[in-house]
Amino acid sequence: MKIFRAWTFKWWEVGLIKVCLLSIGLILGIYFHQYLDGLMWLWWTIFIVTAIYFLVQMFRGKM
């Protein structure tokens, strides 16, 4: 049995995966809202760092 094999997805399958992950994130966020609310600084930090990274890469032309 091959567990690690190469996968090729179509664009709509990637869209379904993104919708699935967004849905589970919302469900977990609603379920654990009190705990996650205390970590709001972490979510903003992750967002800002990744946004800056992708903006820099985009303006350098490496994407």
N, C-alpha and C. Protein backbone atom coordinates (compact mmCIF):
# COMPACT_ATOMS: atom_id res chain seq x y z
N MET A 1 0.84 -1.18 0.00
CA MET A 1 0.00 0.00 0.00
C MET A 1 0.89 1.25 0.00
N LYS A 2 0.64 2.15 -0.94
CA LYS A 2 1.40 3.39 -1.02
C LYS A 2 0.64 4.49 -0.29
N ILE A 3 1.20 4.94 0.82
CA ILE A 3 0.57 6.02 1.58
C ILE A 3 0.96 7.37 0.98
N PHE A 4 2.24 7.52 0.68
CA PHE A 4 2.75 8.79 0.16
C PHE A 4 2.93 8.68 -1.36
N ARG A 5 1.97 9.18 -2.09
CA ARG A 5 2.08 9.19 -3.54
C ARG A 5 1.69 10.57 -4.06
N ALA A 6 2.12 10.85 -5.24
CA ALA A 6 1.86 12.17 -5.83
C ALA A 6 0.39 12.28 -6.23
N TRP A 7 -0.20 13.41 -5.94
CA TRP A 7 -1.58 13.69 -6.31
C TRP A 7 -1.61 14.88 -7.23
N THR A 8 -2.49 14.83 -8.19
CA THR A 8 -2.75 15.97 -9.06
C THR A 8 -4.23 16.30 -8.97
N PHE A 9 -4.51 17.52 -8.53
CA PHE A 9 -5.90 17.93 -8.36
C PHE A 9 -6.30 18.88 -9.48
N LYS A 10 -7.56 18.83 -9.84
CA LYS A 10 -8.12 19.81 -10.76
C LYS A 10 -8.43 21.07 -9.97
N TRP A 11 -8.66 22.20 -10.66
CA TRP A 11 -8.88 23.46 -9.96
C TRP A 11 -10.11 23.42 -9.08
N TRP A 12 -11.16 22.72 -9.51
CA TRP A 12 -12.38 22.68 -8.71
C TRP A 12 -12.22 21.78 -7.49
N GLU A 13 -11.33 20.78 -7.57
CA GLU A 13 -11.06 19.94 -6.41
C GLU A 13 -10.30 20.72 -5.34
N VAL A 14 -9.39 21.57 -5.78
CA VAL A 14 -8.68 22.43 -4.84
C VAL A 14 -9.66 23.39 -4.17
N GLY A 15 -10.62 23.89 -4.94
CA GLY A 15 -11.66 24.75 -4.38
C GLY A 15 -12.48 24.02 -3.33
N LEU A 16 -12.81 22.75 -3.59
CA LEU A 16 -13.56 21.96 -2.61
C LEU A 16 -12.75 21.74 -1.33
N ILE A 17 -11.46 21.48 -1.49
CA ILE A 17 -10.60 21.30 -0.32
C ILE A 17 -10.56 22.58 0.51
N LYS A 18 -10.48 23.73 -0.16
CA LYS A 18 -10.45 25.00 0.56
C LYS A 18 -11.76 25.26 1.29
N VAL A 19 -12.87 24.95 0.65
CA VAL A 19 -14.18 25.12 1.30
C VAL A 19 -14.28 24.18 2.50
N CYS A 20 -13.80 22.96 2.35
CA CYS A 20 -13.81 21.98 3.44
C CYS A 20 -12.99 22.49 4.63
N LEU A 21 -11.77 22.97 4.36
CA LEU A 21 -10.91 23.45 5.44
C LEU A 21 -11.47 24.71 6.09
N LEU A 22 -12.06 25.59 5.29
CA LEU A 22 -12.70 26.78 5.84
C LEU A 22 -13.86 26.39 6.74
N SER A 23 -14.64 25.41 6.32
CA SER A 23 -15.78 24.96 7.11
C SER A 23 -15.34 24.38 8.45
N ILE A 24 -14.32 23.51 8.43
CA ILE A 24 -13.86 22.92 9.69
C ILE A 24 -13.26 23.98 10.59
N GLY A 25 -12.60 24.98 9.99
CA GLY A 25 -12.06 26.08 10.80
C GLY A 25 -13.16 26.88 11.47
N LEU A 26 -14.23 27.16 10.73
CA LEU A 26 -15.36 27.88 11.33
C LEU A 26 -16.05 27.06 12.42
N ILE A 27 -16.22 25.77 12.16
CA ILE A 27 -16.86 24.90 13.16
C ILE A 27 -16.03 24.86 14.44
N LEU A 28 -14.72 24.67 14.31
CA LEU A 28 -13.86 24.64 15.49
C LEU A 28 -13.81 25.99 16.18
N GLY A 29 -13.81 27.08 15.40
CA GLY A 29 -13.80 28.41 15.98
C GLY A 29 -15.06 28.70 16.77
N ILE A 30 -16.20 28.24 16.28
CA ILE A 30 -17.46 28.43 17.01
C ILE A 30 -17.47 27.57 18.27
N TYR A 31 -16.98 26.36 18.16
CA TYR A 31 -17.00 25.43 19.29
C TYR A 31 -16.05 25.87 20.41
N PHE A 32 -14.85 26.34 20.04
CA PHE A 32 -13.84 26.72 21.01
C PHE A 32 -13.65 28.24 21.08
N HIS A 33 -14.71 29.02 20.90
CA HIS A 33 -14.59 30.46 20.77
C HIS A 33 -13.99 31.13 22.00
N GLN A 34 -14.30 30.68 23.19
CA GLN A 34 -13.76 31.33 24.38
C GLN A 34 -12.25 31.12 24.49
N TYR A 35 -11.79 29.94 24.20
CA TYR A 35 -10.36 29.66 24.25
C TYR A 35 -9.62 30.40 23.15
N LEU A 36 -10.16 30.37 21.93
CA LEU A 36 -9.49 31.00 20.79
C LEU A 36 -9.49 32.52 20.89
N ASP A 37 -10.50 33.08 21.54
CA ASP A 37 -10.58 34.53 21.70
C ASP A 37 -9.40 35.06 22.51
N GLY A 38 -8.93 34.28 23.46
CA GLY A 38 -7.77 34.67 24.25
C GLY A 38 -6.48 34.68 23.45
N LEU A 39 -6.48 34.02 22.32
CA LEU A 39 -5.29 33.95 21.48
C LEU A 39 -5.40 34.86 20.26
N MET A 40 -6.24 35.88 20.33
CA MET A 40 -6.47 36.76 19.17
C MET A 40 -5.16 37.41 18.70
N TRP A 41 -4.28 37.73 19.64
CA TRP A 41 -2.99 38.34 19.27
C TRP A 41 -2.19 37.39 18.36
N LEU A 42 -2.30 36.08 18.60
CA LEU A 42 -1.58 35.10 17.79
C LEU A 42 -2.13 35.06 16.37
N TRP A 43 -3.45 35.08 16.22
CA TRP A 43 -4.07 35.02 14.90
C TRP A 43 -3.71 36.26 14.08
N TRP A 44 -3.72 37.44 14.73
CA TRP A 44 -3.33 38.66 14.01
C TRP A 44 -1.86 38.62 13.63
N THR A 45 -1.00 38.11 14.50
CA THR A 45 0.43 38.01 14.19
C THR A 45 0.67 37.08 13.01
N ILE A 46 0.02 35.93 13.00
CA ILE A 46 0.17 34.99 11.89
C ILE A 46 -0.31 35.63 10.59
N PHE A 47 -1.45 36.31 10.65
CA PHE A 47 -1.99 36.97 9.46
C PHE A 47 -1.03 38.03 8.94
N ILE A 48 -0.54 38.89 9.80
CA ILE A 48 0.33 39.99 9.38
C ILE A 48 1.64 39.47 8.81
N VAL A 49 2.24 38.49 9.46
CA VAL A 49 3.52 37.94 8.99
C VAL A 49 3.35 37.28 7.62
N THR A 50 2.32 36.47 7.45
CA THR A 50 2.13 35.81 6.16
C THR A 50 1.73 36.80 5.07
N ALA A 51 0.93 37.80 5.41
CA ALA A 51 0.56 38.81 4.41
C ALA A 51 1.78 39.59 3.95
N ILE A 52 2.65 39.98 4.88
CA ILE A 52 3.87 40.71 4.52
C ILE A 52 4.76 39.83 3.66
N TYR A 53 4.90 38.56 4.01
CA TYR A 53 5.72 37.65 3.23
C TYR A 53 5.24 37.58 1.78
N PHE A 54 3.94 37.35 1.59
CA PHE A 54 3.42 37.22 0.23
C PHE A 54 3.45 38.54 -0.53
N LEU A 55 3.25 39.65 0.14
CA LEU A 55 3.35 40.95 -0.54
C LEU A 55 4.78 41.21 -1.01
N VAL A 56 5.75 40.91 -0.17
CA VAL A 56 7.16 41.08 -0.56
C VAL A 56 7.49 40.17 -1.75
N GLN A 57 7.06 38.91 -1.69
CA GLN A 57 7.33 37.99 -2.78
C GLN A 57 6.66 38.45 -4.08
N MET A 58 5.46 38.99 -3.96
CA MET A 58 4.74 39.44 -5.14
C MET A 58 5.44 40.64 -5.79
N PHE A 59 5.89 41.59 -4.97
CA PHE A 59 6.54 42.77 -5.55
C PHE A 59 7.95 42.48 -6.04
N ARG A 60 8.58 41.45 -5.53
CA ARG A 60 9.89 41.05 -6.05
C ARG A 60 9.74 40.30 -7.36
N GLY A 61 8.55 39.78 -7.62
CA GLY A 61 8.31 39.07 -8.87
C GLY A 61 8.67 37.61 -8.82
N LYS A 62 8.76 37.03 -7.62
CA LYS A 62 9.13 35.62 -7.50
C LYS A 62 7.93 34.70 -7.53
N MET A 63 6.74 35.23 -7.57
CA MET A 63 5.55 34.38 -7.57
C MET A 63 5.06 34.23 -8.99
